[in-house]
Amino acid sequence: MELFDLRVTVDHIDGRSVCGMAVGDHFDLVNSAELRLPAGKHFCIYALQSVLPFLAAKQRQLPDGDWLERDTLFACPDPDERLVMRVERIRRVRLNSADLT
């Protein structure tokens, strides 16, 4: 099967950064289920929980008319922060589904 590796990046912050993240902070989701952060960096769990439900779908090729195929921006739920993340496909990988649970 083929999936996309993803990068989730802080695109912009329209409020104050309560969690200590900055524009450009990111994590990668690779090989279906491996979450990778740059050394010495963090990612707010509340921002993560808001984008997490969409990542499995973004890893797959979706029909052209699907809204999730077009939309790439997701918002953190903190109203003071107004942090927006961008989800990008960084590469297509071939995986053996028998190796995954």
Protein backbone atom coordinates (compact mmCIF):
# COMPACT_ATOMS: atom_id res chain seq x y z
CA MET A 1 0.00 0.00 0.00
CA GLU A 2 1.07 3.61 -0.45
CA LEU A 3 0.69 6.39 2.10
CA PHE A 4 2.02 9.91 2.39
CA ASP A 5 4.41 11.04 5.08
CA LEU A 6 3.13 14.32 6.51
CA ARG A 7 4.56 17.49 8.01
CA VAL A 8 2.40 19.56 10.36
CA THR A 9 3.77 23.11 10.66
CA VAL A 10 2.63 26.13 12.66
CA ASP A 11 1.53 28.39 9.79
CA HIS A 12 0.53 31.46 11.79
CA ILE A 13 -0.49 32.62 15.24
CA ASP A 14 -3.03 35.46 15.38
CA GLY A 15 -3.07 35.71 19.19
CA ARG A 16 -0.46 35.17 21.87
CA SER A 17 1.59 31.98 21.96
CA VAL A 18 0.49 30.50 25.27
CA CYS A 19 2.10 27.11 24.58
CA GLY A 20 5.49 28.51 23.59
CA MET A 21 5.34 27.44 19.96
CA ALA A 22 6.35 29.72 17.09
CA VAL A 23 5.61 29.96 13.38
CA GLY A 24 7.61 27.25 11.62
CA ASP A 25 7.57 24.75 14.50
CA HIS A 26 6.59 21.34 13.16
CA PHE A 27 6.44 17.59 13.52
CA ASP A 28 6.52 14.85 10.92
CA LEU A 29 4.28 11.79 10.77
CA VAL A 30 6.20 9.09 8.87
CA ASN A 31 5.85 5.39 8.07
CA SER A 32 2.15 5.44 8.93
CA ALA A 33 2.45 5.99 12.69
CA GLU A 34 5.84 7.46 13.72
CA LEU A 35 5.65 10.99 15.15
CA ARG A 36 8.99 12.82 14.86
CA LEU A 37 9.95 16.16 16.37
CA PRO A 38 13.15 18.09 15.68
CA ALA A 39 15.70 17.69 18.49
CA GLY A 40 15.01 19.97 21.43
CA LYS A 41 11.58 21.05 20.15
CA HIS A 42 8.07 20.41 21.45
CA PHE A 43 4.54 20.48 20.07
CA CYS A 44 1.54 21.41 22.20
CA ILE A 45 -0.73 18.42 22.91
CA TYR A 46 -3.85 20.59 22.51
CA ALA A 47 -2.80 21.70 19.04
CA LEU A 48 -1.90 18.08 18.27
CA GLN A 49 -5.30 16.78 19.40
CA SER A 50 -7.08 19.20 17.08
CA VAL A 51 -5.26 17.99 13.95
CA LEU A 52 -4.83 14.32 14.89
CA PRO A 53 -8.27 13.09 13.68
CA PHE A 54 -7.49 14.27 10.13
CA LEU A 55 -3.99 12.83 9.73
CA ALA A 56 -4.99 9.26 8.83
CA ALA A 57 -7.11 10.59 5.97
CA LYS A 58 -4.42 13.05 4.82
CA GLN A 59 -1.98 10.12 4.57
CA ARG A 60 -4.12 8.60 1.81
CA GLN A 61 -4.82 9.71 -1.73
CA LEU A 62 -8.38 11.06 -1.65
CA PRO A 63 -10.75 11.76 -4.54
CA ASP A 64 -10.20 15.15 -6.20
CA GLY A 65 -13.56 16.48 -5.02
CA ASP A 66 -12.99 15.57 -1.36
CA TRP A 67 -12.74 18.68 0.86
CA LEU A 68 -9.88 17.12 2.82
CA GLU A 69 -7.87 16.71 -0.37
CA ARG A 70 -8.00 20.51 -0.84
CA ASP A 71 -7.95 21.85 2.72
CA THR A 72 -4.62 22.00 4.52
CA LEU A 73 -5.18 24.38 7.45
CA PHE A 74 -6.33 23.33 10.93
CA ALA A 75 -6.85 25.45 14.04
CA CYS A 76 -5.84 24.88 17.64
CA PRO A 77 -8.85 25.14 19.99
CA ASP A 78 -7.24 27.77 22.29
CA PRO A 79 -9.19 31.00 21.62
CA ASP A 80 -6.43 33.26 23.01
CA GLU A 81 -3.78 31.72 20.81
CA ARG A 82 -5.56 31.35 17.46
CA LEU A 83 -2.75 29.07 16.22
CA VAL A 84 -3.20 27.63 12.73
CA MET A 85 -1.32 24.59 11.43
CA ARG A 86 -0.65 23.57 7.84
CA VAL A 87 -0.58 19.85 6.90
CA GLU A 88 1.63 19.00 3.93
CA ARG A 89 2.40 15.73 2.21
CA ILE A 90 6.17 15.46 2.14
CA ARG A 91 6.65 12.14 0.34
CA ARG A 92 4.83 9.03 -0.80
CA VAL A 93 5.98 5.80 0.85
CA ARG A 94 5.26 2.16 0.05
CA LEU A 95 4.46 0.06 3.10
CA ASN A 96 3.57 -3.59 3.57
CA SER A 97 0.19 -3.62 5.29
CA ALA A 98 1.03 -6.98 6.92
CA ASP A 99 3.80 -5.18 8.87
CA LEU A 100 1.31 -2.74 10.39
CA THR A 101 -1.34 -3.34 13.03
